[in-house]
């Protein structure tokens, strides 16, 4: 008579698929000038302004690059591009004097 072998299967735990982490920042401006290049963000957690130059970090996210309408951030081998909101027909730009700009950037 043939011998029957019973094999128990061990359940295999499947790791949940994690969504990629995203910075809790909204890009609201990019400053390009002869002396400074920086991105201006709104912190989603407390609605404060965050100003970062290339190479500076906020909560582990480091600014790697800036373009006229976007900032590239990196954290733990993950890159994210944040873009400025689309321009509307009613949006107008207000020019600042160099002294006003310097004072605002130093805040």
PDB file of N, CA and C in Angstrom:
ATOM      1  N   UNK A   1       0.845  -1.167   0.000  1.00  0.00           N
ATOM      2  CA  UNK A   1       0.000   0.000   0.000  1.00  0.00           C
ATOM      3  C   UNK A   1       0.897   1.239   0.000  1.00  0.00           C
ATOM      4  N   UNK A   2       0.568   2.251  -0.854  1.00  0.00           N
ATOM      5  CA  UNK A   2       1.406   3.450  -0.901  1.00  0.00           C
ATOM      6  C   UNK A   2       1.307   4.234   0.404  1.00  0.00           C
ATOM      7  N   UNK A   3       2.426   4.842   0.714  1.00  0.00           N
ATOM      8  CA  UNK A   3       2.491   5.639   1.941  1.00  0.00           C
ATOM      9  C   UNK A   3       2.079   7.079   1.628  1.00  0.00           C
ATOM     10  N   UNK A   4       1.238   7.655   2.481  1.00  0.00           N
ATOM     11  CA  UNK A   4       0.765   9.022   2.294  1.00  0.00           C
ATOM     12  C   UNK A   4       1.552   9.930   3.236  1.00  0.00           C
ATOM     13  N   UNK A   5       2.105  10.996   2.688  1.00  0.00           N
ATOM     14  CA  UNK A   5       2.855  11.967   3.482  1.00  0.00           C
ATOM     15  C   UNK A   5       2.055  13.262   3.506  1.00  0.00           C
ATOM     16  N   UNK A   6       1.819  13.775   4.694  1.00  0.00           N
ATOM     17  CA  UNK A   6       1.086  15.027   4.851  1.00  0.00           C
ATOM     18  C   UNK A   6       2.099  16.132   5.135  1.00  0.00           C
ATOM     19  N   UNK A   7       2.056  17.166   4.326  1.00  0.00           N
ATOM     20  CA  UNK A   7       2.967  18.307   4.501  1.00  0.00           C
ATOM     21  C   UNK A   7       2.132  19.503   4.931  1.00  0.00           C
ATOM     22  N   UNK A   8       2.525  20.085   6.055  1.00  0.00           N
ATOM     23  CA  UNK A   8       1.818  21.280   6.521  1.00  0.00           C
ATOM     24  C   UNK A   8       2.436  22.504   5.875  1.00  0.00           C
ATOM     25  N   UNK A   9       1.573  23.365   5.444  1.00  0.00           N
ATOM     26  CA  UNK A   9       2.059  24.610   4.848  1.00  0.00           C
ATOM     27  C   UNK A   9       2.145  25.682   5.925  1.00  0.00           C
ATOM     28  N   UNK A  10       3.255  26.341   5.942  1.00  0.00           N
ATOM     29  CA  UNK A  10       3.448  27.450   6.870  1.00  0.00           C
ATOM     30  C   UNK A  10       3.029  28.727   6.158  1.00  0.00           C
ATOM     31  N   UNK A  11       2.134  29.507   6.787  1.00  0.00           N
ATOM     32  CA  UNK A  11       1.727  30.756   6.130  1.00  0.00           C
ATOM     33  C   UNK A  11       2.922  31.695   5.977  1.00  0.00           C
ATOM     34  N   UNK A  12       3.005  32.313   4.836  1.00  0.00           N
ATOM     35  CA  UNK A  12       4.080  33.260   4.555  1.00  0.00           C
ATOM     36  C   UNK A  12       3.524  34.662   4.718  1.00  0.00           C
ATOM     37  N   UNK A  13       4.195  35.436   5.547  1.00  0.00           N
ATOM     38  CA  UNK A  13       3.763  36.821   5.755  1.00  0.00           C
ATOM     39  C   UNK A  13       4.155  37.655   4.540  1.00  0.00           C
ATOM     40  N   UNK A  14       3.207  38.384   4.021  1.00  0.00           N
ATOM     41  CA  UNK A  14       3.456  39.253   2.880  1.00  0.00           C
ATOM     42  C   UNK A  14       3.545  40.674   3.392  1.00  0.00           C
ATOM     43  N   UNK A  15       4.655  41.315   3.088  1.00  0.00           N
ATOM     44  CA  UNK A  15       4.837  42.696   3.534  1.00  0.00           C
ATOM     45  C   UNK A  15       3.832  43.591   2.811  1.00  0.00           C
ATOM     46  N   UNK A  16       3.196  44.496   3.554  1.00  0.00           N
ATOM     47  CA  UNK A  16       2.253  45.400   2.899  1.00  0.00           C
ATOM     48  C   UNK A  16       2.986  46.329   1.936  1.00  0.00           C
ATOM     49  N   UNK A  17       2.329  46.664   0.859  1.00  0.00           N
ATOM     50  CA  UNK A  17       2.909  47.588  -0.104  1.00  0.00           C
ATOM     51  C   UNK A  17       2.785  48.987   0.477  1.00  0.00           C
ATOM     52  N   UNK A  18       3.933  49.614   0.677  1.00  0.00           N
ATOM     53  CA  UNK A  18       3.944  50.950   1.258  1.00  0.00           C
ATOM     54  C   UNK A  18       3.947  52.002   0.163  1.00  0.00           C
ATOM     55  N   UNK A  19       3.149  53.022   0.373  1.00  0.00           N
ATOM     56  CA  UNK A  19       3.158  54.150  -0.538  1.00  0.00           C
ATOM     57  C   UNK A  19       4.490  54.873  -0.382  1.00  0.00           C
ATOM     58  N   UNK A  20       5.038  55.400  -1.463  1.00  0.00           N
ATOM     59  CA  UNK A  20       6.273  56.166  -1.318  1.00  0.00           C
ATOM     60  C   UNK A  20       6.034  57.373  -0.412  1.00  0.00           C
ATOM     61  N   UNK A  21       7.030  57.660   0.409  1.00  0.00           N
ATOM     62  CA  UNK A  21       6.914  58.816   1.303  1.00  0.00           C
ATOM     63  C   UNK A  21       6.951  60.094   0.477  1.00  0.00           C
ATOM     64  N   UNK A  22       6.184  61.065   0.896  1.00  0.00           N
ATOM     65  CA  UNK A  22       6.158  62.357   0.221  1.00  0.00           C
ATOM     66  C   UNK A  22       6.475  63.442   1.238  1.00  0.00           C
ATOM     67  N   UNK A  23       7.177  64.479   0.813  1.00  0.00           N
ATOM     68  CA  UNK A  23       7.457  65.572   1.743  1.00  0.00           C
ATOM     69  C   UNK A  23       6.163  66.307   2.072  1.00  0.00           C
ATOM     70  N   UNK A  24       6.051  66.756   3.303  1.00  0.00           N
ATOM     71  CA  UNK A  24       4.861  67.506   3.717  1.00  0.00           C
ATOM     72  C   UNK A  24       5.079  68.986   3.424  1.00  0.00           C
ATOM     73  N   UNK A  25       5.397  69.272   2.168  1.00  0.00           N
ATOM     74  CA  UNK A  25       5.698  70.625   1.718  1.00  0.00           C
ATOM     75  C   UNK A  25       4.954  70.914   0.422  1.00  0.00           C
ATOM     76  N   UNK A  26       4.514  72.160   0.281  1.00  0.00           N
ATOM     77  CA  UNK A  26       3.965  72.638  -0.986  1.00  0.00           C
ATOM     78  C   UNK A  26       4.917  73.699  -1.512  1.00  0.00           C
ATOM     79  N   UNK A  27       5.346  73.575  -2.753  1.00  0.00           N
ATOM     80  CA  UNK A  27       6.216  74.576  -3.354  1.00  0.00           C
ATOM     81  C   UNK A  27       5.385  75.807  -3.686  1.00  0.00           C
ATOM     82  N   UNK A  28       5.800  76.959  -3.167  1.00  0.00           N
ATOM     83  CA  UNK A  28       5.050  78.188  -3.454  1.00  0.00           C
ATOM     84  C   UNK A  28       5.897  79.237  -4.165  1.00  0.00           C
ATOM     85  N   UNK A  29       7.203  78.974  -4.315  1.00  0.00           N
ATOM     86  CA  UNK A  29       8.043  79.923  -5.038  1.00  0.00           C
ATOM     87  C   UNK A  29       9.437  79.391  -5.263  1.00  0.00           C
ATOM     88  N   UNK A  30      10.063  79.882  -6.339  1.00  0.00           N
ATOM     89  CA  UNK A  30      11.458  79.570  -6.630  1.00  0.00           C
ATOM     90  C   UNK A  30      12.145  80.901  -6.888  1.00  0.00           C
ATOM     91  N   UNK A  31      13.241  81.140  -6.171  1.00  0.00           N
ATOM     92  CA  UNK A  31      13.984  82.392  -6.290  1.00  0.00           C
ATOM     93  C   UNK A  31      15.260  82.118  -7.073  1.00  0.00           C
ATOM     94  N   UNK A  32      15.420  82.826  -8.190  1.00  0.00           N
ATOM     95  CA  UNK A  32      16.639  82.737  -8.998  1.00  0.00           C
ATOM     96  C   UNK A  32      17.218  84.137  -9.075  1.00  0.00           C
ATOM     97  N   UNK A  33      18.394  84.322  -8.550  1.00  0.00           N
ATOM     98  CA  UNK A  33      19.039  85.619  -8.611  1.00  0.00           C
ATOM     99  C   UNK A  33      20.538  85.451  -8.707  1.00  0.00           C
ATOM    100  N   UNK A  34      21.246  86.557  -8.893  1.00  0.00           N
ATOM    101  CA  UNK A  34      22.697  86.454  -9.023  1.00  0.00           C
ATOM    102  C   UNK A  34      23.375  85.959  -7.744  1.00  0.00           C
ATOM    103  N   UNK A  35      22.779  86.218  -6.595  1.00  0.00           N
ATOM    104  CA  UNK A  35      23.392  85.835  -5.326  1.00  0.00           C
ATOM    105  C   UNK A  35      22.697  84.692  -4.612  1.00  0.00           C
ATOM    106  N   UNK A  36      21.497  84.360  -5.032  1.00  0.00           N
ATOM    107  CA  UNK A  36      20.756  83.327  -4.305  1.00  0.00           C
ATOM    108  C   UNK A  36      19.863  82.530  -5.249  1.00  0.00           C
ATOM    109  N   UNK A  37      19.805  81.225  -4.983  1.00  0.00           N
ATOM    110  CA  UNK A  37      18.847  80.330  -5.645  1.00  0.00           C
ATOM    111  C   UNK A  37      18.233  79.512  -4.527  1.00  0.00           C
ATOM    112  N   UNK A  38      16.941  79.623  -4.356  1.00  0.00           N
ATOM    113  CA  UNK A  38      16.273  78.884  -3.293  1.00  0.00           C
ATOM    114  C   UNK A  38      14.831  78.604  -3.658  1.00  0.00           C
ATOM    115  N   UNK A  39      14.280  77.644  -2.928  1.00  0.00           N
ATOM    116  CA  UNK A  39      12.865  77.309  -3.063  1.00  0.00           C
ATOM    117  C   UNK A  39      12.152  77.746  -1.792  1.00  0.00           C
ATOM    118  N   UNK A  40      10.928  78.192  -1.951  1.00  0.00           N
ATOM    119  CA  UNK A  40      10.104  78.601  -0.822  1.00  0.00           C
ATOM    120  C   UNK A  40       8.926  77.628  -0.768  1.00  0.00           C
ATOM    121  N   UNK A  41       8.763  77.014   0.395  1.00  0.00           N
ATOM    122  CA  UNK A  41       7.728  76.004   0.597  1.00  0.00           C
ATOM    123  C   UNK A  41       6.783  76.431   1.702  1.00  0.00           C
ATOM    124  N   UNK A  42       5.592  75.846   1.695  1.00  0.00           N
ATOM    125  CA  UNK A  42       4.655  75.962   2.797  1.00  0.00           C
ATOM    126  C   UNK A  42       4.614  74.613   3.494  1.00  0.00           C
ATOM    127  N   UNK A  43       4.975  74.604   4.781  1.00  0.00           N
ATOM    128  CA  UNK A  43       4.938  73.378   5.581  1.00  0.00           C
ATOM    129  C   UNK A  43       3.475  73.016   5.811  1.00  0.00           C
ATOM    130  N   UNK A  44       3.061  71.843   5.340  1.00  0.00           N
ATOM    131  CA  UNK A  44       1.661  71.416   5.450  1.00  0.00           C
ATOM    132  C   UNK A  44       1.240  71.156   6.893  1.00  0.00           C
ATOM    133  N   UNK A  45       2.204  70.885   7.775  1.00  0.00           N
ATOM    134  CA  UNK A  45       1.845  70.528   9.151  1.00  0.00           C
ATOM    135  C   UNK A  45       1.489  71.745   9.998  1.00  0.00           C
ATOM    136  N   UNK A  46       2.158  72.878   9.759  1.00  0.00           N
ATOM    137  CA  UNK A  46       1.876  74.052  10.602  1.00  0.00           C
ATOM    138  C   UNK A  46       1.723  75.348   9.806  1.00  0.00           C
ATOM    139  N   UNK A  47       1.717  75.244   8.489  1.00  0.00           N
ATOM    140  CA  UNK A  47       1.502  76.372   7.577  1.00  0.00           C
ATOM    141  C   UNK A  47       2.550  77.473   7.728  1.00  0.00           C
ATOM    142  N   UNK A  48       3.785  77.091   8.076  1.00  0.00           N
ATOM    143  CA  UNK A  48       4.874  78.068   8.145  1.00  0.00           C
ATOM    144  C   UNK A  48       5.675  78.018   6.842  1.00  0.00           C
ATOM    145  N   UNK A  49       6.393  79.119   6.569  1.00  0.00           N
ATOM    146  CA  UNK A  49       7.235  79.178   5.383  1.00  0.00           C
ATOM    147  C   UNK A  49       8.562  78.494   5.658  1.00  0.00           C
ATOM    148  N   UNK A  50       9.057  77.787   4.661  1.00  0.00           N
ATOM    149  CA  UNK A  50      10.350  77.117   4.743  1.00  0.00           C
ATOM    150  C   UNK A  50      11.139  77.540   3.508  1.00  0.00           C
ATOM    151  N   UNK A  51      12.330  78.111   3.729  1.00  0.00           N
ATOM    152  CA  UNK A  51      13.185  78.542   2.616  1.00  0.00           C
ATOM    153  C   UNK A  51      14.417  77.651   2.599  1.00  0.00           C
ATOM    154  N   UNK A  52      14.670  77.010   1.455  1.00  0.00           N
ATOM    155  CA  UNK A  52      15.796  76.082   1.352  1.00  0.00           C
ATOM    156  C   UNK A  52      16.593  76.336   0.086  1.00  0.00           C
ATOM    157  N   UNK A  53      17.911  76.341   0.244  1.00  0.00           N
ATOM    158  CA  UNK A  53      18.818  76.409  -0.901  1.00  0.00           C
ATOM    159  C   UNK A  53      19.209  74.985  -1.295  1.00  0.00           C
ATOM    160  N   UNK A  54      19.821  74.842  -2.461  1.00  0.00           N
ATOM    161  CA  UNK A  54      20.295  73.525  -2.900  1.00  0.00           C
ATOM    162  C   UNK A  54      21.265  72.993  -1.849  1.00  0.00           C
ATOM    163  N   UNK A  55      21.048  71.738  -1.461  1.00  0.00           N
ATOM    164  CA  UNK A  55      21.888  71.096  -0.456  1.00  0.00           C
ATOM    165  C   UNK A  55      21.334  71.176   0.958  1.00  0.00           C
ATOM    166  N   UNK A  56      20.367  72.064   1.197  1.00  0.00           N
ATOM    167  CA  UNK A  56      19.768  72.162   2.518  1.00  0.00           C
ATOM    168  C   UNK A  56      18.628  71.158   2.649  1.00  0.00           C
ATOM    169  N   UNK A  57      18.381  70.756   3.917  1.00  0.00           N
ATOM    170  CA  UNK A  57      17.386  69.717   4.185  1.00  0.00           C
ATOM    171  C   UNK A  57      16.317  70.192   5.151  1.00  0.00           C
ATOM    172  N   UNK A  58      15.156  69.521   5.057  1.00  0.00           N
ATOM    173  CA  UNK A  58      14.031  69.750   5.962  1.00  0.00           C
ATOM    174  C   UNK A  58      13.367  68.404   6.183  1.00  0.00           C
ATOM    175  N   UNK A  59      13.362  67.947   7.437  1.00  0.00           N
ATOM    176  CA  UNK A  59      12.786  66.646   7.803  1.00  0.00           C
ATOM    177  C   UNK A  59      13.314  65.503   6.925  1.00  0.00           C
ATOM    178  N   UNK A  60      14.603  65.548   6.643  1.00  0.00           N
ATOM    179  CA  UNK A  60      15.245  64.489   5.877  1.00  0.00           C
ATOM    180  C   UNK A  60      15.200  64.666   4.370  1.00  0.00           C
ATOM    181  N   UNK A  61      14.423  65.599   3.868  1.00  0.00           N
ATOM    182  CA  UNK A  61      14.336  65.862   2.430  1.00  0.00           C
ATOM    183  C   UNK A  61      15.352  66.940   2.068  1.00  0.00           C
ATOM    184  N   UNK A  62      16.234  66.650   1.120  1.00  0.00           N
ATOM    185  CA  UNK A  62      17.287  67.570   0.699  1.00  0.00           C
ATOM    186  C   UNK A  62      16.982  68.099  -0.691  1.00  0.00           C
ATOM    187  N   UNK A  63      17.123  69.419  -0.860  1.00  0.00           N
ATOM    188  CA  UNK A  63      16.916  70.033  -2.169  1.00  0.00           C
ATOM    189  C   UNK A  63      18.108  69.668  -3.048  1.00  0.00           C
ATOM    190  N   UNK A  64      17.831  68.970  -4.142  1.00  0.00           N
ATOM    191  CA  UNK A  64      18.878  68.531  -5.063  1.00  0.00           C
ATOM    192  C   UNK A  64      18.974  69.411  -6.299  1.00  0.00           C
ATOM    193  N   UNK A  65      17.863  70.043  -6.670  1.00  0.00           N
ATOM    194  CA  UNK A  65      17.882  70.876  -7.871  1.00  0.00           C
ATOM    195  C   UNK A  65      16.709  71.823  -7.914  1.00  0.00           C
ATOM    196  N   UNK A  66      16.905  72.924  -8.627  1.00  0.00           N
ATOM    197  CA  UNK A  66      15.847  73.923  -8.798  1.00  0.00           C
ATOM    198  C   UNK A  66      15.732  74.271 -10.267  1.00  0.00           C
ATOM    199  N   UNK A  67      14.514  74.467 -10.704  1.00  0.00           N
ATOM    200  CA  UNK A  67      14.227  74.927 -12.046  1.00  0.00           C
ATOM    201  C   UNK A  67      13.317  76.137 -11.884  1.00  0.00           C
ATOM    202  N   UNK A  68      12.904  76.728 -12.962  1.00  0.00           N
ATOM    203  CA  UNK A  68      12.088  77.930 -12.848  1.00  0.00           C
ATOM    204  C   UNK A  68      10.754  77.697 -12.152  1.00  0.00           C
ATOM    205  N   UNK A  69      10.188  76.480 -12.289  1.00  0.00           N
ATOM    206  CA  UNK A  69       8.875  76.215 -11.692  1.00  0.00           C
ATOM    207  C   UNK A  69       8.823  74.923 -10.890  1.00  0.00           C
ATOM    208  N   UNK A  70      10.000  74.377 -10.514  1.00  0.00           N
ATOM    209  CA  UNK A  70       9.973  73.131  -9.747  1.00  0.00           C
ATOM    210  C   UNK A  70      11.225  72.984  -8.893  1.00  0.00           C
ATOM    211  N   UNK A  71      11.089  72.147  -7.876  1.00  0.00           N
ATOM    212  CA  UNK A  71      12.203  71.812  -6.987  1.00  0.00           C
ATOM    213  C   UNK A  71      12.269  70.293  -6.898  1.00  0.00           C
ATOM    214  N   UNK A  72      13.485  69.757  -6.944  1.00  0.00           N
ATOM    215  CA  UNK A  72      13.694  68.324  -6.811  1.00  0.00           C
ATOM    216  C   UNK A  72      14.244  68.044  -5.429  1.00  0.00           C
ATOM    217  N   UNK A  73      13.542  67.197  -4.672  1.00  0.00           N
ATOM    218  CA  UNK A  73      13.968  66.828  -3.327  1.00  0.00           C
ATOM    219  C   UNK A  73      14.296  65.344  -3.290  1.00  0.00           C
ATOM    220  N   UNK A  74      15.204  64.974  -2.382  1.00  0.00           N
ATOM    221  CA  UNK A  74      15.619  63.577  -2.273  1.00  0.00           C
ATOM    222  C   UNK A  74      15.706  63.181  -0.812  1.00  0.00           C
ATOM    223  N   UNK A  75      15.265  61.939  -0.550  1.00  0.00           N
ATOM    224  CA  UNK A  75      15.368  61.360   0.788  1.00  0.00           C
ATOM    225  C   UNK A  75      15.508  59.855   0.621  1.00  0.00           C
ATOM    226  N   UNK A  76      16.580  59.288   1.175  1.00  0.00           N
ATOM    227  CA  UNK A  76      16.792  57.833   1.168  1.00  0.00           C
ATOM    228  C   UNK A  76      16.595  57.230  -0.228  1.00  0.00           C
ATOM    229  N   UNK A  77      17.311  57.729  -1.195  1.00  0.00           N
ATOM    230  CA  UNK A  77      17.285  57.217  -2.567  1.00  0.00           C
ATOM    231  C   UNK A  77      15.954  57.433  -3.282  1.00  0.00           C
ATOM    232  N   UNK A  78      15.069  58.231  -2.725  1.00  0.00           N
ATOM    233  CA  UNK A  78      13.784  58.533  -3.363  1.00  0.00           C
ATOM    234  C   UNK A  78      13.805  59.995  -3.792  1.00  0.00           C
ATOM    235  N   UNK A  79      13.449  60.250  -5.033  1.00  0.00           N
ATOM    236  CA  UNK A  79      13.392  61.618  -5.544  1.00  0.00           C
ATOM    237  C   UNK A  79      11.952  62.014  -5.830  1.00  0.00           C
ATOM    238  N   UNK A  80      11.655  63.275  -5.491  1.00  0.00           N
ATOM    239  CA  UNK A  80      10.320  63.824  -5.723  1.00  0.00           C
ATOM    240  C   UNK A  80      10.486  65.199  -6.347  1.00  0.00           C
ATOM    241  N   UNK A  81       9.689  65.476  -7.379  1.00  0.00           N
ATOM    242  CA  UNK A  81       9.676  66.813  -7.976  1.00  0.00           C
ATOM    243  C   UNK A  81       8.395  67.506  -7.550  1.00  0.00           C
ATOM    244  N   UNK A  82       8.553  68.669  -6.937  1.00  0.00           N
ATOM    245  CA  UNK A  82       7.405  69.485  -6.567  1.00  0.00           C
ATOM    246  C   UNK A  82       7.323  70.642  -7.550  1.00  0.00           C
ATOM    247  N   UNK A  83       6.134  70.876  -8.082  1.00  0.00           N
ATOM    248  CA  UNK A  83       5.944  71.933  -9.066  1.00  0.00           C
ATOM    249  C   UNK A  83       5.092  73.049  -8.483  1.00  0.00           C
ATOM    250  N   UNK A  84       5.319  74.246  -8.989  1.00  0.00           N
ATOM    251  CA  UNK A  84       4.476  75.373  -8.608  1.00  0.00           C
ATOM    252  C   UNK A  84       3.073  75.139  -9.149  1.00  0.00           C
ATOM    253  N   UNK A  85       2.069  75.652  -8.449  1.00  0.00           N
ATOM    254  CA  UNK A  85       0.699  75.531  -8.972  1.00  0.00           C
ATOM    255  C   UNK A  85       0.598  76.233 -10.325  1.00  0.00           C
ATOM    256  N   UNK A  86      -0.333  75.782 -11.138  1.00  0.00           N
ATOM    257  CA  UNK A  86      -0.547  76.403 -12.447  1.00  0.00           C
ATOM    258  C   UNK A  86      -0.914  77.860 -12.277  1.00  0.00           C
ATOM    259  N   UNK A  87      -0.430  78.658 -13.194  1.00  0.00           N
ATOM    260  CA  UNK A  87      -0.743  80.097 -13.162  1.00  0.00           C
ATOM    261  C   UNK A  87      -2.176  80.316 -13.614  1.00  0.00           C
ATOM    262  N   UNK A  88      -2.828  81.272 -12.978  1.00  0.00           N
ATOM    263  CA  UNK A  88      -4.183  81.616 -13.419  1.00  0.00           C
ATOM    264  C   UNK A  88      -4.138  82.969 -14.115  1.00  0.00           C
ATOM    265  N   UNK A  89      -5.171  83.280 -14.848  1.00  0.00           N
ATOM    266  CA  UNK A  89      -5.229  84.544 -15.580  1.00  0.00           C
ATOM    267  C   UNK A  89      -5.278  85.736 -14.634  1.00  0.00           C
ATOM    268  N   UNK A  90      -5.722  85.517 -13.393  1.00  0.00           N
ATOM    269  CA  UNK A  90      -5.845  86.637 -12.461  1.00  0.00           C
ATOM    270  C   UNK A  90      -4.597  86.843 -11.606  1.00  0.00           C
ATOM    271  N   UNK A  91      -3.603  85.953 -11.734  1.00  0.00           N
ATOM    272  CA  UNK A  91      -2.390  86.082 -10.946  1.00  0.00           C
ATOM    273  C   UNK A  91      -1.512  87.177 -11.527  1.00  0.00           C
ATOM    274  N   UNK A  92      -1.064  88.080 -10.672  1.00  0.00           N
ATOM    275  CA  UNK A  92      -0.146  89.119 -11.106  1.00  0.00           C
ATOM    276  C   UNK A  92       1.076  89.100 -10.217  1.00  0.00           C
ATOM    277  N   UNK A  93       2.185  89.479 -10.776  1.00  0.00           N
ATOM    278  CA  UNK A  93       3.441  89.505 -10.019  1.00  0.00           C
ATOM    279  C   UNK A  93       3.664  90.895  -9.458  1.00  0.00           C
ATOM    280  N   UNK A  94       4.219  90.950  -8.264  1.00  0.00           N
ATOM    281  CA  UNK A  94       4.572  92.214  -7.642  1.00  0.00           C
ATOM    282  C   UNK A  94       6.081  92.268  -7.533  1.00  0.00           C
ATOM    283  N   UNK A  95       6.671  93.308  -8.081  1.00  0.00           N
ATOM    284  CA  UNK A  95       8.128  93.438  -8.035  1.00  0.00           C
ATOM    285  C   UNK A  95       8.553  93.973  -6.678  1.00  0.00           C
ATOM    286  N   UNK A  96       9.673  93.446  -6.165  1.00  0.00           N
ATOM    287  CA  UNK A  96      10.263  93.931  -4.923  1.00  0.00           C
ATOM    288  C   UNK A  96      11.583  94.603  -5.255  1.00  0.00           C
ATOM    289  N   UNK A  97      11.924  95.621  -4.485  1.00  0.00           N
ATOM    290  CA  UNK A  97      13.234  96.228  -4.663  1.00  0.00           C
ATOM    291  C   UNK A  97      14.289  95.246  -4.177  1.00  0.00           C
ATOM    292  N   UNK A  98      15.534  95.367  -4.629  1.00  0.00           N
ATOM    293  CA  UNK A  98      16.589  94.464  -4.144  1.00  0.00           C
ATOM    294  C   UNK A  98      16.727  94.497  -2.623  1.00  0.00           C
ATOM    295  N   UNK A  99      16.559  95.661  -1.997  1.00  0.00           N
ATOM    296  CA  UNK A  99      16.668  95.753  -0.538  1.00  0.00           C
ATOM    297  C   UNK A  99      15.528  94.995   0.134  1.00  0.00           C
ATOM    298  N   UNK A 100      14.312  95.137  -0.388  1.00  0.00           N
ATOM    299  CA  UNK A 100      13.166  94.413   0.177  1.00  0.00           C
ATOM    300  C   UNK A 100      13.343  92.908   0.000  1.00  0.00           C
ATOM    301  N   UNK A 101      13.844  92.504  -1.168  1.00  0.00           N
ATOM    302  CA  UNK A 101      14.067  91.081  -1.424  1.00  0.00           C
ATOM    303  C   UNK A 101      15.092  90.512  -0.459  1.00  0.00           C
ATOM    304  N   UNK A 102      16.189  91.245  -0.255  1.00  0.00           N
ATOM    305  CA  UNK A 102      17.240  90.782   0.659  1.00  0.00           C
ATOM    306  C   UNK A 102      16.705  90.658   2.084  1.00  0.00           C
ATOM    307  N   UNK A 103      15.904  91.627   2.511  1.00  0.00           N
ATOM    308  CA  UNK A 103      15.339  91.574   3.869  1.00  0.00           C
ATOM    309  C   UNK A 103      14.391  90.408   4.014  1.00  0.00           C
ATOM    310  N   UNK A 104      13.587  90.130   2.995  1.00  0.00           N
ATOM    311  CA  UNK A 104      12.645  89.005   3.056  1.00  0.00           C
ATOM    312  C   UNK A 104      13.384  87.682   3.108  1.00  0.00           C
ATOM    313  N   UNK A 105      14.454  87.549   2.297  1.00  0.00           N
ATOM    314  CA  UNK A 105      15.218  86.307   2.256  1.00  0.00           C
ATOM    315  C   UNK A 105      15.956  86.042   3.557  1.00  0.00           C
ATOM    316  N   UNK A 106      16.337  87.084   4.281  1.00  0.00           N
ATOM    317  CA  UNK A 106      17.077  86.931   5.520  1.00  0.00           C
ATOM    318  C   UNK A 106      16.188  86.576   6.700  1.00  0.00           C
ATOM    319  N   UNK A 107      14.888  86.594   6.519  1.00  0.00           N
ATOM    320  CA  UNK A 107      13.978  86.291   7.643  1.00  0.00           C
ATOM    321  C   UNK A 107      14.136  84.889   8.112  1.00  0.00           C
TER     322      UNK A 107
END
